[in-house]
């Protein structure tokens, strides 16, 4: 058994409010267990208007382990007081797995 790391980038297309996006990390051998962490993110409003940030949130959750694949979700929320302004960006996650 060994510990392996995979960085995966999830694109966040333009939209509003809290949003959930799937991601996948593929390892070279069967995954026995895994953990996930946000390695970095960039979220920005699509417009150049002045926004007073109300909330910035990026969460991750492992959905399942299937052989050498770890599926996960990234949840994003980037909002000002109105919650109606579209934003986009990317999230980089680090998936850590114990493999056989």
Protein backbone atom coordinates (compact mmCIF):
# COMPACT_ATOMS: atom_id res chain seq x y z
CA UNK A 1 0.00 0.00 0.00
CA UNK A 2 1.09 3.55 -0.69
CA UNK A 3 -0.17 7.12 -0.40
CA UNK A 4 -0.71 8.96 -3.70
CA UNK A 5 -1.76 12.50 -4.58
CA UNK A 6 -3.68 13.83 -7.58
CA UNK A 7 -4.40 17.52 -8.27
CA UNK A 8 -7.59 18.01 -10.26
CA UNK A 9 -8.98 21.26 -11.68
CA UNK A 10 -12.77 21.80 -11.82
CA UNK A 11 -14.03 24.60 -14.08
CA UNK A 12 -16.84 26.75 -12.71
CA UNK A 13 -18.97 28.04 -15.60
CA UNK A 14 -20.92 31.28 -15.32
CA UNK A 15 -23.92 31.15 -13.00
CA UNK A 16 -25.40 32.47 -9.77
CA UNK A 17 -26.03 31.29 -6.20
CA UNK A 18 -24.77 28.03 -4.62
CA UNK A 19 -23.70 25.53 -7.26
CA UNK A 20 -22.41 21.95 -7.22
CA UNK A 21 -19.95 20.50 -9.76
CA UNK A 22 -18.68 16.92 -10.19
CA UNK A 23 -15.00 16.04 -10.33
CA UNK A 24 -12.93 12.89 -10.74
CA UNK A 25 -9.42 11.83 -9.79
CA UNK A 26 -7.88 8.74 -11.39
CA UNK A 27 -5.06 6.81 -9.73
CA UNK A 28 -2.70 4.15 -11.09
CA UNK A 29 -4.05 1.38 -8.85
CA UNK A 30 -7.06 0.47 -6.71
CA UNK A 31 -7.99 3.08 -4.10
CA UNK A 32 -8.63 1.74 -0.59
CA UNK A 33 -9.48 5.07 1.05
CA UNK A 34 -9.28 8.74 0.12
CA UNK A 35 -9.48 12.28 1.41
CA UNK A 36 -9.86 15.59 -0.39
CA UNK A 37 -8.79 19.18 0.20
CA UNK A 38 -9.17 22.49 -1.60
CA UNK A 39 -5.75 23.32 -3.05
CA UNK A 40 -6.77 26.70 -4.45
CA UNK A 41 -9.56 28.55 -6.18
CA UNK A 42 -10.36 31.56 -8.32
CA UNK A 43 -13.88 32.96 -8.43
CA UNK A 44 -14.73 36.24 -10.09
CA UNK A 45 -17.81 38.15 -11.15
CA UNK A 46 -18.53 38.16 -14.88
CA UNK A 47 -19.26 41.91 -14.85
CA UNK A 48 -16.84 44.71 -14.00
CA UNK A 49 -19.34 46.42 -11.66
CA UNK A 50 -18.28 47.15 -8.10
CA UNK A 51 -19.50 44.29 -5.90
CA UNK A 52 -19.57 44.24 -2.12
CA UNK A 53 -18.81 40.62 -1.29
CA UNK A 54 -21.28 38.94 1.03
CA UNK A 55 -20.06 35.33 0.99
CA UNK A 56 -17.29 33.22 -0.53
CA UNK A 57 -17.51 29.46 0.00
CA UNK A 58 -15.79 26.48 -1.58
CA UNK A 59 -16.41 23.00 -0.16
CA UNK A 60 -15.49 19.50 -1.32
CA UNK A 61 -17.01 16.10 -0.66
CA UNK A 62 -16.05 12.62 -1.80
CA UNK A 63 -19.02 10.92 -3.45
CA UNK A 64 -17.54 7.47 -4.00
CA UNK A 65 -14.53 5.29 -4.71
CA UNK A 66 -14.75 2.96 -7.71
CA UNK A 67 -11.61 0.90 -8.30
CA UNK A 68 -8.89 3.42 -9.17
CA UNK A 69 -11.32 6.39 -9.44
CA UNK A 70 -12.41 8.85 -6.76
CA UNK A 71 -15.53 10.87 -7.61
CA UNK A 72 -16.21 14.08 -5.72
CA UNK A 73 -18.26 17.26 -5.73
CA UNK A 74 -17.12 20.87 -5.44
CA UNK A 75 -19.69 23.28 -4.01
CA UNK A 76 -19.22 27.01 -4.66
CA UNK A 77 -20.98 30.13 -3.48
CA UNK A 78 -19.72 33.59 -4.41
CA UNK A 79 -22.22 36.32 -3.81
CA UNK A 80 -22.82 39.94 -3.06
CA UNK A 81 -25.94 41.17 -1.24
CA UNK A 82 -28.25 40.50 -4.21
CA UNK A 83 -27.11 36.92 -5.04
CA UNK A 84 -28.10 37.63 -8.65
CA UNK A 85 -24.72 38.44 -10.24
CA UNK A 86 -23.13 35.65 -12.28
CA UNK A 87 -19.66 34.41 -11.40
CA UNK A 88 -17.25 31.88 -12.85
CA UNK A 89 -13.81 30.47 -12.11
CA UNK A 90 -12.03 27.28 -11.17
CA UNK A 91 -11.26 25.15 -8.13
CA UNK A 92 -8.18 22.97 -7.74
CA UNK A 93 -8.54 20.05 -5.34
CA UNK A 94 -5.96 17.67 -3.97
CA UNK A 95 -7.19 14.09 -3.68
CA UNK A 96 -5.10 11.94 -1.33
CA UNK A 97 -5.56 8.21 -1.62
CA UNK A 98 -4.24 5.05 -0.04
CA UNK A 99 -3.80 2.64 -2.95
CA UNK A 100 -2.95 -1.05 -3.26
